[in-house]
Amino acid sequence: MQIQVNSSNHIESNIRLNEWVRSTLESTLERYEDDLTRIEVHLRDDNGAKPGPHDKRCQMEARPKGHQPISVTHTATTLDHAVDGAASKLNNALEHFYGKLRSKRVILEPSDPEE
């Protein structure tokens, strides 16, 4: 699973930030590692240099193998909370997505006539 971190609007990208985002995602989404090809992370400060509540935005887009991308966004006062919130939302979205896929497989599989 590839993790690509992009930043804009007064958020300075550096190795430490990229590694922290990667480790957060790897620990949160560890169980989906074999099911995803890539996760794109976009970090942004909506108010630029001006302070304000909930002005840090983190958008994450996961690309499940053979399916359409799943995207979530979380805004918070700090970048840490924005990333943690988006990772949690993405985990919930993937859990829901793969849960629906599993239930479709169960419905589509033929039942044993001897049961």
N, C-alpha and C. Protein backbone atom coordinates (compact mmCIF):
# COMPACT_ATOMS: atom_id res chain seq x y z
N MET A 1 0.84 -1.17 0.00
CA MET A 1 0.00 0.00 0.00
C MET A 1 0.90 1.24 0.00
N GLN A 2 0.70 2.09 -0.98
CA GLN A 2 1.44 3.34 -1.08
C GLN A 2 0.70 4.42 -0.32
N ILE A 3 1.43 5.30 0.34
CA ILE A 3 0.83 6.44 1.02
C ILE A 3 1.51 7.69 0.49
N GLN A 4 0.71 8.58 -0.10
CA GLN A 4 1.23 9.81 -0.69
C GLN A 4 0.67 10.99 0.11
N VAL A 5 1.55 11.83 0.63
CA VAL A 5 1.16 12.97 1.45
C VAL A 5 1.41 14.26 0.67
N ASN A 6 0.37 15.09 0.52
CA ASN A 6 0.46 16.37 -0.17
C ASN A 6 0.03 17.46 0.81
N SER A 7 0.69 18.61 0.75
CA SER A 7 0.28 19.71 1.61
C SER A 7 0.27 21.01 0.82
N SER A 8 -0.60 21.94 1.26
CA SER A 8 -0.70 23.24 0.61
C SER A 8 -1.21 24.27 1.62
N ASN A 9 -1.26 25.52 1.19
CA ASN A 9 -1.79 26.62 2.00
C ASN A 9 -1.18 26.71 3.39
N HIS A 10 0.06 27.08 3.46
CA HIS A 10 0.74 27.37 4.72
C HIS A 10 1.04 26.14 5.58
N ILE A 11 0.96 24.97 5.02
CA ILE A 11 1.39 23.77 5.75
C ILE A 11 2.66 23.31 5.05
N GLU A 12 3.75 23.42 5.76
CA GLU A 12 5.05 23.09 5.20
C GLU A 12 5.28 21.58 5.28
N SER A 13 5.47 20.98 4.14
CA SER A 13 5.72 19.54 4.09
C SER A 13 7.18 19.27 4.47
N ASN A 14 7.38 18.26 5.31
CA ASN A 14 8.74 17.86 5.66
C ASN A 14 8.75 16.36 5.94
N ILE A 15 9.91 15.81 6.07
CA ILE A 15 10.05 14.37 6.27
C ILE A 15 9.35 13.92 7.54
N ARG A 16 9.50 14.70 8.61
CA ARG A 16 8.89 14.33 9.89
C ARG A 16 7.36 14.28 9.80
N LEU A 17 6.76 15.28 9.15
CA LEU A 17 5.30 15.30 8.96
C LEU A 17 4.86 14.11 8.12
N ASN A 18 5.55 13.86 7.01
CA ASN A 18 5.19 12.73 6.14
C ASN A 18 5.29 11.40 6.88
N GLU A 19 6.34 11.21 7.65
CA GLU A 19 6.51 9.96 8.40
C GLU A 19 5.45 9.79 9.47
N TRP A 20 5.08 10.90 10.13
CA TRP A 20 4.05 10.83 11.16
C TRP A 20 2.70 10.46 10.55
N VAL A 21 2.35 11.07 9.41
CA VAL A 21 1.09 10.75 8.73
C VAL A 21 1.10 9.29 8.28
N ARG A 22 2.20 8.83 7.71
CA ARG A 22 2.32 7.44 7.26
C ARG A 22 2.15 6.45 8.43
N SER A 23 2.83 6.73 9.54
CA SER A 23 2.75 5.80 10.67
C SER A 23 1.35 5.79 11.27
N THR A 24 0.69 6.95 11.29
CA THR A 24 -0.69 7.01 11.77
C THR A 24 -1.60 6.16 10.90
N LEU A 25 -1.47 6.29 9.58
CA LEU A 25 -2.30 5.51 8.67
C LEU A 25 -1.98 4.02 8.72
N GLU A 26 -0.71 3.70 8.76
CA GLU A 26 -0.32 2.28 8.81
C GLU A 26 -0.87 1.60 10.05
N SER A 27 -0.84 2.27 11.19
CA SER A 27 -1.35 1.64 12.41
C SER A 27 -2.88 1.60 12.42
N THR A 28 -3.52 2.64 11.90
CA THR A 28 -4.99 2.69 11.90
C THR A 28 -5.58 1.74 10.87
N LEU A 29 -4.96 1.62 9.71
CA LEU A 29 -5.53 0.84 8.60
C LEU A 29 -4.76 -0.44 8.31
N GLU A 30 -4.05 -0.94 9.29
CA GLU A 30 -3.20 -2.12 9.12
C GLU A 30 -3.96 -3.30 8.52
N ARG A 31 -5.18 -3.51 8.95
CA ARG A 31 -5.93 -4.69 8.48
C ARG A 31 -6.35 -4.61 7.02
N TYR A 32 -6.28 -3.41 6.42
CA TYR A 32 -6.66 -3.25 5.01
C TYR A 32 -5.44 -3.15 4.09
N GLU A 33 -4.26 -3.36 4.63
CA GLU A 33 -3.03 -3.16 3.87
C GLU A 33 -3.01 -3.93 2.55
N ASP A 34 -3.48 -5.16 2.54
CA ASP A 34 -3.45 -5.98 1.32
C ASP A 34 -4.59 -5.65 0.36
N ASP A 35 -5.60 -4.89 0.83
CA ASP A 35 -6.77 -4.59 0.02
C ASP A 35 -6.70 -3.24 -0.67
N LEU A 36 -5.73 -2.40 -0.29
CA LEU A 36 -5.63 -1.05 -0.84
C LEU A 36 -4.37 -0.90 -1.68
N THR A 37 -4.50 -0.19 -2.80
CA THR A 37 -3.32 0.06 -3.62
C THR A 37 -2.61 1.33 -3.18
N ARG A 38 -3.40 2.36 -2.80
CA ARG A 38 -2.80 3.65 -2.47
C ARG A 38 -3.75 4.46 -1.59
N ILE A 39 -3.15 5.30 -0.76
CA ILE A 39 -3.91 6.30 0.00
C ILE A 39 -3.26 7.64 -0.27
N GLU A 40 -4.08 8.60 -0.70
CA GLU A 40 -3.59 9.96 -0.91
C GLU A 40 -4.09 10.83 0.23
N VAL A 41 -3.19 11.60 0.81
CA VAL A 41 -3.52 12.49 1.92
C VAL A 41 -3.26 13.92 1.48
N HIS A 42 -4.25 14.79 1.68
CA HIS A 42 -4.12 16.20 1.34
C HIS A 42 -4.32 17.02 2.60
N LEU A 43 -3.28 17.76 3.00
CA LEU A 43 -3.32 18.60 4.19
C LEU A 43 -3.42 20.06 3.76
N ARG A 44 -4.28 20.80 4.44
CA ARG A 44 -4.51 22.18 4.03
C ARG A 44 -4.90 23.04 5.23
N ASP A 45 -4.45 24.28 5.22
CA ASP A 45 -4.85 25.27 6.21
C ASP A 45 -5.83 26.21 5.50
N ASP A 46 -7.13 26.09 5.78
CA ASP A 46 -8.14 26.83 5.04
C ASP A 46 -8.05 28.34 5.22
N ASN A 47 -7.61 28.81 6.39
CA ASN A 47 -7.53 30.25 6.65
C ASN A 47 -6.15 30.82 6.37
N GLY A 48 -5.24 30.01 5.90
CA GLY A 48 -3.90 30.50 5.62
C GLY A 48 -3.19 30.91 6.89
N ALA A 49 -2.63 32.09 6.90
CA ALA A 49 -1.85 32.56 8.05
C ALA A 49 -2.74 33.04 9.20
N LYS A 50 -4.03 33.25 8.95
CA LYS A 50 -4.93 33.71 10.01
C LYS A 50 -5.36 32.54 10.89
N PRO A 51 -5.35 32.71 12.20
CA PRO A 51 -5.82 31.63 13.07
C PRO A 51 -7.34 31.54 13.04
N GLY A 52 -7.84 30.37 13.34
CA GLY A 52 -9.29 30.20 13.38
C GLY A 52 -9.63 28.79 13.78
N PRO A 53 -10.84 28.62 14.31
CA PRO A 53 -11.26 27.27 14.72
C PRO A 53 -11.53 26.39 13.49
N HIS A 54 -11.14 25.18 13.61
CA HIS A 54 -11.39 24.17 12.56
C HIS A 54 -10.89 24.63 11.18
N ASP A 55 -9.71 25.19 11.14
CA ASP A 55 -9.19 25.64 9.85
C ASP A 55 -8.15 24.70 9.26
N LYS A 56 -7.81 23.63 9.96
CA LYS A 56 -6.89 22.62 9.42
C LYS A 56 -7.74 21.49 8.82
N ARG A 57 -7.47 21.18 7.56
CA ARG A 57 -8.27 20.18 6.84
C ARG A 57 -7.38 19.03 6.39
N CYS A 58 -7.88 17.83 6.59
CA CYS A 58 -7.20 16.64 6.09
C CYS A 58 -8.19 15.82 5.27
N GLN A 59 -7.86 15.63 4.00
CA GLN A 59 -8.67 14.79 3.13
C GLN A 59 -7.86 13.54 2.81
N MET A 60 -8.50 12.39 2.94
CA MET A 60 -7.84 11.12 2.62
C MET A 60 -8.68 10.39 1.58
N GLU A 61 -7.98 9.85 0.59
CA GLU A 61 -8.64 9.07 -0.45
C GLU A 61 -7.96 7.71 -0.54
N ALA A 62 -8.73 6.67 -0.22
CA ALA A 62 -8.21 5.30 -0.30
C ALA A 62 -8.66 4.68 -1.61
N ARG A 63 -7.79 3.88 -2.18
CA ARG A 63 -8.11 3.21 -3.45
C ARG A 63 -8.11 1.70 -3.25
N PRO A 64 -9.30 1.14 -3.00
CA PRO A 64 -9.41 -0.32 -2.87
C PRO A 64 -9.16 -0.99 -4.22
N LYS A 65 -8.49 -2.12 -4.19
CA LYS A 65 -8.19 -2.85 -5.43
C LYS A 65 -9.48 -3.22 -6.14
N GLY A 66 -9.60 -2.79 -7.40
CA GLY A 66 -10.74 -3.15 -8.23
C GLY A 66 -12.02 -2.39 -7.94
N HIS A 67 -11.95 -1.31 -7.16
CA HIS A 67 -13.16 -0.55 -6.81
C HIS A 67 -12.88 0.95 -6.90
N GLN A 68 -13.95 1.74 -6.82
CA GLN A 68 -13.84 3.19 -6.85
C GLN A 68 -13.19 3.70 -5.57
N PRO A 69 -12.51 4.85 -5.64
CA PRO A 69 -11.88 5.42 -4.45
C PRO A 69 -12.92 5.80 -3.38
N ILE A 70 -12.47 5.79 -2.14
CA ILE A 70 -13.28 6.20 -1.00
C ILE A 70 -12.59 7.41 -0.39
N SER A 71 -13.33 8.52 -0.23
CA SER A 71 -12.74 9.76 0.25
C SER A 71 -13.44 10.24 1.51
N VAL A 72 -12.65 10.75 2.46
CA VAL A 72 -13.18 11.34 3.69
C VAL A 72 -12.43 12.64 3.96
N THR A 73 -13.07 13.54 4.71
CA THR A 73 -12.44 14.81 5.09
C THR A 73 -12.75 15.09 6.54
N HIS A 74 -11.76 15.63 7.24
CA HIS A 74 -11.97 16.03 8.63
C HIS A 74 -11.28 17.37 8.86
N THR A 75 -11.98 18.29 9.51
CA THR A 75 -11.38 19.58 9.87
C THR A 75 -11.27 19.67 11.38
N ALA A 76 -10.24 20.35 11.84
CA ALA A 76 -10.00 20.49 13.28
C ALA A 76 -9.14 21.73 13.52
N THR A 77 -8.96 22.03 14.79
CA THR A 77 -8.15 23.18 15.17
C THR A 77 -6.66 22.94 14.95
N THR A 78 -6.23 21.68 15.13
CA THR A 78 -4.81 21.35 14.92
C THR A 78 -4.67 20.32 13.81
N LEU A 79 -3.50 20.29 13.23
CA LEU A 79 -3.22 19.33 12.16
C LEU A 79 -3.26 17.90 12.70
N ASP A 80 -2.76 17.70 13.92
CA ASP A 80 -2.79 16.37 14.54
C ASP A 80 -4.20 15.83 14.63
N HIS A 81 -5.12 16.68 15.12
CA HIS A 81 -6.52 16.24 15.26
C HIS A 81 -7.18 16.02 13.90
N ALA A 82 -6.82 16.84 12.92
CA ALA A 82 -7.39 16.68 11.58
C ALA A 82 -6.97 15.34 10.97
N VAL A 83 -5.69 14.99 11.11
CA VAL A 83 -5.20 13.72 10.56
C VAL A 83 -5.80 12.54 11.32
N ASP A 84 -5.79 12.60 12.64
CA ASP A 84 -6.38 11.51 13.43
C ASP A 84 -7.86 11.33 13.13
N GLY A 85 -8.58 12.44 13.01
CA GLY A 85 -10.02 12.36 12.71
C GLY A 85 -10.29 11.78 11.34
N ALA A 86 -9.50 12.19 10.35
CA ALA A 86 -9.68 11.67 8.98
C ALA A 86 -9.32 10.18 8.92
N ALA A 87 -8.26 9.78 9.64
CA ALA A 87 -7.87 8.37 9.66
C ALA A 87 -8.97 7.52 10.29
N SER A 88 -9.57 8.02 11.35
CA SER A 88 -10.67 7.30 11.99
C SER A 88 -11.89 7.20 11.07
N LYS A 89 -12.21 8.30 10.39
CA LYS A 89 -13.33 8.28 9.44
C LYS A 89 -13.06 7.31 8.29
N LEU A 90 -11.82 7.29 7.81
CA LEU A 90 -11.47 6.39 6.71
C LEU A 90 -11.57 4.94 7.16
N ASN A 91 -11.12 4.66 8.36
CA ASN A 91 -11.23 3.31 8.91
C ASN A 91 -12.71 2.89 8.96
N ASN A 92 -13.59 3.77 9.43
CA ASN A 92 -15.02 3.47 9.49
C ASN A 92 -15.60 3.27 8.10
N ALA A 93 -15.21 4.12 7.15
CA ALA A 93 -15.71 4.00 5.78
C ALA A 93 -15.28 2.68 5.14
N LEU A 94 -14.02 2.29 5.36
CA LEU A 94 -13.53 1.02 4.80
C LEU A 94 -14.21 -0.18 5.48
N GLU A 95 -14.43 -0.08 6.77
CA GLU A 95 -15.13 -1.14 7.49
C GLU A 95 -16.53 -1.32 6.92
N HIS A 96 -17.22 -0.22 6.68
CA HIS A 96 -18.56 -0.26 6.09
C HIS A 96 -18.52 -0.83 4.67
N PHE A 97 -17.57 -0.36 3.86
CA PHE A 97 -17.43 -0.79 2.47
C PHE A 97 -17.18 -2.30 2.38
N TYR A 98 -16.19 -2.78 3.13
CA TYR A 98 -15.87 -4.21 3.06
C TYR A 98 -16.94 -5.06 3.73
N GLY A 99 -17.63 -4.52 4.71
CA GLY A 99 -18.76 -5.23 5.31
C GLY A 99 -19.88 -5.45 4.30
N LYS A 100 -20.17 -4.43 3.48
CA LYS A 100 -21.19 -4.57 2.44
C LYS A 100 -20.76 -5.60 1.40
N LEU A 101 -19.47 -5.59 1.04
CA LEU A 101 -18.98 -6.57 0.06
C LEU A 101 -19.12 -8.00 0.60
N ARG A 102 -18.78 -8.19 1.88
CA ARG A 102 -18.91 -9.53 2.48
C ARG A 102 -20.35 -9.98 2.52
N SER A 103 -21.27 -9.09 2.85
CA SER A 103 -22.67 -9.49 2.93
C SER A 103 -23.23 -9.83 1.55
N LYS A 104 -22.77 -9.13 0.51
CA LYS A 104 -23.19 -9.46 -0.86
C LYS A 104 -22.69 -10.85 -1.26
N ARG A 105 -21.46 -11.18 -0.87
CA ARG A 105 -20.92 -12.50 -1.19
C ARG A 105 -21.71 -13.60 -0.50
N VAL A 106 -22.10 -13.37 0.73
CA VAL A 106 -22.86 -14.37 1.47
C VAL A 106 -24.21 -14.60 0.81
N ILE A 107 -24.86 -13.53 0.35
CA ILE A 107 -26.16 -13.64 -0.30
C ILE A 107 -26.04 -14.34 -1.64
N LEU A 108 -24.97 -14.07 -2.39
CA LEU A 108 -24.80 -14.62 -3.73
C LEU A 108 -24.32 -16.06 -3.74
N GLU A 109 -23.70 -16.53 -2.66
CA GLU A 109 -23.21 -17.90 -2.63
C GLU A 109 -24.39 -18.86 -2.50
N PRO A 110 -24.40 -19.93 -3.31
CA PRO A 110 -25.51 -20.89 -3.22
C PRO A 110 -25.46 -21.64 -1.90
N SER A 111 -26.63 -21.91 -1.38
CA SER A 111 -26.67 -22.67 -0.11
C SER A 111 -26.60 -24.17 -0.42
N ASP A 112 -26.20 -24.93 0.55
CA ASP A 112 -26.06 -26.38 0.43
C ASP A 112 -27.47 -26.98 0.50
N PRO A 113 -27.92 -27.73 -0.54
CA PRO A 113 -29.28 -28.28 -0.56
C PRO A 113 -29.51 -29.35 0.53
N GLU A 114 -28.46 -29.92 1.07
CA GLU A 114 -28.62 -30.95 2.08
C GLU A 114 -28.87 -30.39 3.46
N GLU A 115 -28.74 -29.07 3.65
CA GLU A 115 -28.93 -28.46 4.97
C GLU A 115 -30.36 -28.27 5.28
